Amino acid sequence: MLHFDRIAGQDPRHPPLLIVHGLFGSARNWGVIARRLADTRDTITVDMRNHGASFHAASNGYDDLAADLAEVIEAAGGRVDVLGHSMGGKAAMMLALTRPERVDRLIVADIAPVAYGHSQSHLIHAMRGLDLTGLTTRGEADRRLAEELRAPVLRAFLLQSLDLKAQPPRWRLNLDVLEAEMDRIIGWPDISGQFDGPSLFLSGGASDYVLPEHRARIKALFPNSRFARIPGAGHWLHAEKPREFEENVRVFLASGRE
């Protein structure tokens, strides 16, 4: 089973909220938001396969990821609200389409059920190229990684998956499998069916991941979906605009409930 953390909420009337990170992420990326949202419900954050403290496996397709999430949900009580970002958003969509009995409400953060053309293999190349010799601080790791990646926010995100306590330091990512499965990760399987539950597609206003031409496909698979954008936020909208992101999530989860 996936490694996961569960924070007990203050209101047991609501189902738990399962939070699913994106590519190269982990549960720890969502720790602050999970703790804040736990004022109304249990929150569960997972490390996806080939990430963080979870198991390594030879495949990373969305059928695999959805099955992993279903196993966590069964252990958590059988039915949850689900929030997924990027790769985690696609895994959440696949879960809702194939196991709708496990999902109450669905929040998909800055991703659509379509194939994309922007491979992330260059980030794997940068991580592989980081000289780990003698590393003891994240600051030094950041200086070395800056030779390959200029964006400080992106470096900070990736370095959360660097285990500096290991001897020698190591990435908490199965880089070989993630690279081999990259086409499946940025793609989307040919799947039919519908999830009729309430769904929110929440996007960054400065992101181009969810475009107007994607809406017909989203509505075909998720007919009870609504759309919202956070002005000024990019693809990592939860990190760039955390309070605005949190407020959108709260409003959606509270809608139609006492």
Protein backbone atom coordinates (compact mmCIF):
# COMPACT_ATOMS: atom_id res chain seq x y z
CA MET A 1 0.00 0.00 0.00
CA LEU A 2 1.03 3.60 -0.56
CA HIS A 3 2.65 5.45 2.30
CA PHE A 4 0.15 7.98 3.65
CA ASP A 5 -0.38 10.40 6.53
CA ARG A 6 -3.78 11.03 8.10
CA ILE A 7 -4.61 14.11 10.15
CA ALA A 8 -7.68 13.80 12.36
CA GLY A 9 -10.25 16.50 11.61
CA GLN A 10 -12.49 18.37 14.00
CA ASP A 11 -15.80 17.51 12.32
CA PRO A 12 -16.49 13.79 11.73
CA ARG A 13 -19.69 14.49 9.76
CA HIS A 14 -17.72 15.07 6.56
CA PRO A 15 -15.85 12.40 4.60
CA PRO A 16 -12.05 12.52 4.63
CA LEU A 17 -10.23 14.53 1.98
CA LEU A 18 -7.60 12.54 0.08
CA ILE A 19 -4.88 14.78 -1.40
CA VAL A 20 -2.85 13.42 -4.33
CA HIS A 21 0.40 15.13 -5.36
CA GLY A 22 1.80 15.57 -8.85
CA LEU A 23 4.89 14.31 -10.65
CA PHE A 24 8.11 14.56 -8.58
CA GLY A 25 6.06 15.59 -5.54
CA SER A 26 5.19 13.93 -2.25
CA ALA A 27 2.78 14.15 0.67
CA ARG A 28 5.05 16.66 2.38
CA ASN A 29 4.37 19.21 -0.38
CA TRP A 30 0.78 19.38 0.88
CA GLY A 31 1.43 19.33 4.64
CA VAL A 32 0.41 22.92 5.40
CA ILE A 33 -2.77 22.82 3.33
CA ALA A 34 -3.69 19.41 4.76
CA ARG A 35 -3.30 20.68 8.32
CA ARG A 36 -5.37 23.78 7.64
CA LEU A 37 -8.17 21.84 5.95
CA ALA A 38 -8.25 19.37 8.85
CA ASP A 39 -10.24 21.94 10.83
CA THR A 40 -13.33 20.54 9.10
CA ARG A 41 -12.48 16.92 8.20
CA ASP A 42 -9.80 14.24 8.26
CA THR A 43 -7.17 14.86 5.60
CA ILE A 44 -5.05 12.13 4.01
CA THR A 45 -1.89 12.83 2.02
CA VAL A 46 -0.17 10.07 0.07
CA ASP A 47 3.19 9.42 -1.53
CA MET A 48 2.38 7.98 -4.96
CA ARG A 49 4.23 4.91 -6.23
CA ASN A 50 7.82 5.67 -7.27
CA HIS A 51 7.71 8.80 -5.08
CA GLY A 52 8.59 9.62 -1.49
CA ALA A 53 8.37 6.77 1.00
CA SER A 54 6.09 4.60 -1.14
CA PHE A 55 7.09 1.44 -2.99
CA HIS A 56 8.86 1.38 -6.34
CA ALA A 57 7.20 -0.43 -9.24
CA ALA A 58 7.98 -1.01 -12.90
CA SER A 59 4.88 0.79 -14.20
CA ASN A 60 3.36 4.19 -13.51
CA GLY A 61 0.18 4.19 -15.60
CA TYR A 62 -3.05 5.79 -14.47
CA ASP A 63 -4.76 2.43 -14.06
CA ASP A 64 -2.00 1.55 -11.57
CA LEU A 65 -2.26 4.88 -9.76
CA ALA A 66 -6.04 4.69 -9.47
CA ALA A 67 -5.83 1.17 -8.03
CA ASP A 68 -3.26 2.38 -5.48
CA LEU A 69 -5.58 5.19 -4.39
CA ALA A 70 -8.57 2.85 -4.15
CA GLU A 71 -6.61 0.67 -1.74
CA VAL A 72 -5.88 3.65 0.50
CA ILE A 73 -9.54 4.71 0.41
CA GLU A 74 -10.69 1.22 1.40
CA ALA A 75 -8.35 1.38 4.39
CA ALA A 76 -9.64 4.87 5.23
CA GLY A 77 -13.30 3.90 5.38
CA GLY A 78 -14.41 3.33 1.81
CA ARG A 79 -15.40 6.75 0.45
CA VAL A 80 -13.66 10.14 0.35
CA ASP A 81 -13.50 13.51 -1.32
CA VAL A 82 -10.45 13.60 -3.61
CA LEU A 83 -8.15 16.48 -4.54
CA GLY A 84 -5.44 15.81 -7.12
CA HIS A 85 -2.88 18.10 -8.76
CA SER A 86 -1.32 17.52 -12.19
CA MET A 87 -0.33 13.82 -12.39
CA GLY A 88 -2.30 13.37 -9.18
CA GLY A 89 -5.27 15.07 -10.82
CA LYS A 90 -5.20 12.57 -13.67
CA ALA A 91 -4.94 9.72 -11.16
CA ALA A 92 -7.92 11.18 -9.28
CA MET A 93 -9.93 11.44 -12.51
CA MET A 94 -9.13 7.83 -13.39
CA LEU A 95 -10.15 6.76 -9.89
CA ALA A 96 -13.47 8.60 -10.17
CA LEU A 97 -14.21 7.12 -13.61
CA THR A 98 -13.32 3.54 -12.74
CA ARG A 99 -14.33 3.39 -9.05
CA PRO A 100 -17.01 6.07 -8.63
CA GLU A 101 -18.32 4.38 -5.49
CA ARG A 102 -15.10 5.46 -3.73
CA VAL A 103 -15.39 9.17 -4.57
CA ASP A 104 -17.88 11.69 -3.23
CA ARG A 105 -16.53 14.98 -4.60
CA LEU A 106 -13.64 15.51 -6.99
CA ILE A 107 -11.27 18.47 -7.24
CA VAL A 108 -8.80 18.49 -10.15
CA ALA A 109 -6.06 21.11 -9.89
CA ASP A 110 -4.64 22.47 -13.16
CA ILE A 111 -4.86 19.45 -15.43
CA ALA A 112 -7.33 18.11 -18.01
CA PRO A 113 -8.16 14.56 -19.20
CA VAL A 114 -6.04 15.00 -22.33
CA ALA A 115 -2.55 14.09 -23.53
CA TYR A 116 0.10 16.77 -23.28
CA GLY A 117 3.26 17.20 -25.33
CA HIS A 118 5.62 18.69 -22.76
CA SER A 119 7.82 15.90 -21.45
CA GLN A 120 9.36 16.46 -18.02
CA SER A 121 12.38 14.27 -18.79
CA HIS A 122 14.65 17.32 -18.74
CA LEU A 123 13.98 17.59 -15.00
CA ILE A 124 15.01 13.98 -14.55
CA HIS A 125 18.19 14.79 -16.46
CA ALA A 126 18.86 17.72 -14.12
CA MET A 127 18.28 15.61 -11.01
CA ARG A 128 20.51 12.84 -12.30
CA GLY A 129 23.17 15.41 -13.10
CA LEU A 130 23.24 16.88 -9.59
CA ASP A 131 26.57 16.08 -7.96
CA LEU A 132 25.60 14.54 -4.60
CA THR A 133 29.20 14.16 -3.42
CA GLY A 134 29.65 15.63 0.03
CA LEU A 135 26.25 17.31 0.10
CA THR A 136 25.11 18.22 3.61
CA THR A 137 22.78 21.20 3.13
CA ARG A 138 19.84 21.99 0.89
CA GLY A 139 21.38 25.38 0.19
CA GLU A 140 24.44 23.79 -1.38
CA ALA A 141 22.22 21.38 -3.32
CA ASP A 142 20.27 24.38 -4.63
CA ARG A 143 23.45 26.12 -5.76
CA ARG A 144 24.57 23.03 -7.64
CA LEU A 145 21.17 22.41 -9.21
CA ALA A 146 21.02 26.05 -10.35
CA GLU A 147 23.64 25.17 -12.96
CA GLU A 148 20.92 23.17 -14.76
CA LEU A 149 17.68 24.85 -13.62
CA ARG A 150 17.29 28.61 -13.31
CA ALA A 151 13.83 28.75 -11.70
CA PRO A 152 14.22 28.94 -7.89
CA VAL A 153 10.63 27.77 -7.23
CA LEU A 154 11.14 24.69 -9.38
CA ARG A 155 14.46 23.86 -7.71
CA ALA A 156 12.90 24.23 -4.26
CA PHE A 157 10.08 21.88 -5.27
CA LEU A 158 12.40 19.19 -6.63
CA LEU A 159 14.79 19.40 -3.69
CA GLN A 160 12.01 18.45 -1.29
CA SER A 161 12.50 14.94 -2.71
CA LEU A 162 16.24 14.88 -1.96
CA ASP A 163 17.10 12.84 1.13
CA LEU A 164 20.16 14.51 2.65
CA LYS A 165 20.14 12.25 5.70
CA ALA A 166 20.89 9.17 3.60
CA GLN A 167 24.52 8.18 3.18
CA PRO A 168 25.17 9.01 0.46
CA PRO A 169 22.31 11.48 -0.26
CA ARG A 170 19.70 10.13 -2.67
CA TRP A 171 16.54 11.12 -4.50
CA ARG A 172 13.27 9.77 -3.06
CA LEU A 173 12.13 9.20 -6.64
CA ASN A 174 12.38 6.20 -8.96
CA LEU A 175 13.87 8.29 -11.75
CA ASP A 176 14.46 5.35 -14.09
CA VAL A 177 10.81 4.26 -14.12
CA LEU A 178 9.45 7.81 -14.23
CA GLU A 179 11.57 8.49 -17.30
CA ALA A 180 10.57 5.22 -18.96
CA GLU A 181 6.87 5.89 -18.24
CA MET A 182 6.94 9.59 -19.17
CA ASP A 183 4.76 9.15 -22.26
CA ARG A 184 2.07 7.51 -20.13
CA ILE A 185 2.38 10.18 -17.43
CA ILE A 186 1.91 13.12 -19.79
CA GLY A 187 -0.65 11.15 -21.80
CA TRP A 188 -4.20 10.10 -21.05
CA PRO A 189 -5.71 6.65 -21.67
CA ASP A 190 -8.61 6.03 -24.02
CA ILE A 191 -11.36 5.63 -21.44
CA SER A 192 -15.11 5.97 -21.60
CA GLY A 193 -17.71 6.31 -18.88
CA GLN A 194 -18.69 9.19 -16.62
CA PHE A 195 -18.35 10.37 -13.06
CA ASP A 196 -21.62 12.06 -12.13
CA GLY A 197 -20.54 13.43 -8.75
CA PRO A 198 -19.76 17.09 -8.14
CA SER A 199 -16.41 18.04 -9.69
CA LEU A 200 -14.33 21.21 -9.60
CA PHE A 201 -11.63 21.91 -12.18
CA LEU A 202 -9.51 24.59 -10.51
CA SER A 203 -6.83 26.18 -12.68
CA GLY A 204 -4.13 28.82 -12.45
CA GLY A 205 -5.03 31.97 -14.34
CA ALA A 206 -1.50 32.16 -15.76
CA SER A 207 -1.35 28.45 -16.64
CA ASP A 208 -2.04 26.90 -20.04
CA TYR A 209 -2.76 23.38 -18.82
CA VAL A 210 -6.58 23.69 -18.92
CA LEU A 211 -7.68 25.46 -22.09
CA PRO A 212 -11.16 26.39 -23.36
CA GLU A 213 -10.96 23.61 -25.94
CA HIS A 214 -10.59 21.06 -23.13
CA ARG A 215 -13.95 21.86 -21.58
CA ALA A 216 -16.03 19.69 -23.92
CA ARG A 217 -13.91 16.64 -23.05
CA ILE A 218 -14.13 17.44 -19.35
CA LYS A 219 -17.91 17.82 -19.50
CA ALA A 220 -18.26 14.55 -21.43
CA LEU A 221 -16.50 12.62 -18.66
CA PHE A 222 -17.56 14.78 -15.69
CA PRO A 223 -21.00 16.22 -16.53
CA ASN A 224 -21.50 17.72 -13.05
CA SER A 225 -18.32 19.78 -13.23
CA ARG A 226 -17.69 23.45 -12.65
CA PHE A 227 -14.66 25.58 -13.46
CA ALA A 228 -12.70 28.19 -11.52
CA ARG A 229 -9.41 30.01 -12.01
CA ILE A 230 -7.05 31.68 -9.54
CA PRO A 231 -5.77 34.94 -11.06
CA GLY A 232 -1.99 35.24 -11.24
CA ALA A 233 -1.31 31.60 -10.38
CA GLY A 234 0.58 29.21 -12.63
CA HIS A 235 0.62 25.43 -12.73
CA TRP A 236 1.74 25.13 -9.09
CA LEU A 237 -1.28 27.17 -8.00
CA HIS A 238 -1.46 25.63 -4.50
CA ALA A 239 2.12 26.74 -3.78
CA GLU A 240 1.89 30.14 -5.48
CA LYS A 241 -1.51 31.18 -4.09
CA PRO A 242 -2.11 28.84 -1.12
CA ARG A 243 -4.80 30.86 0.68
CA GLU A 244 -6.78 31.49 -2.50
CA PHE A 245 -6.44 27.82 -3.41
CA GLU A 246 -7.60 26.76 0.03
CA GLU A 247 -10.63 29.07 -0.08
CA ASN A 248 -11.77 27.64 -3.44
CA VAL A 249 -11.46 24.12 -2.06
CA ARG A 250 -13.41 25.01 1.09
CA VAL A 251 -16.24 26.67 -0.80
CA PHE A 252 -16.62 23.74 -3.19
CA LEU A 253 -16.53 21.07 -0.47
CA ALA A 254 -19.08 22.99 1.61
CA SER A 255 -21.52 23.59 -1.26
CA GLY A 256 -24.72 21.61 -0.85
CA ARG A 257 -23.74 20.37 2.60
CA GLU A 258 -24.82 21.53 6.02
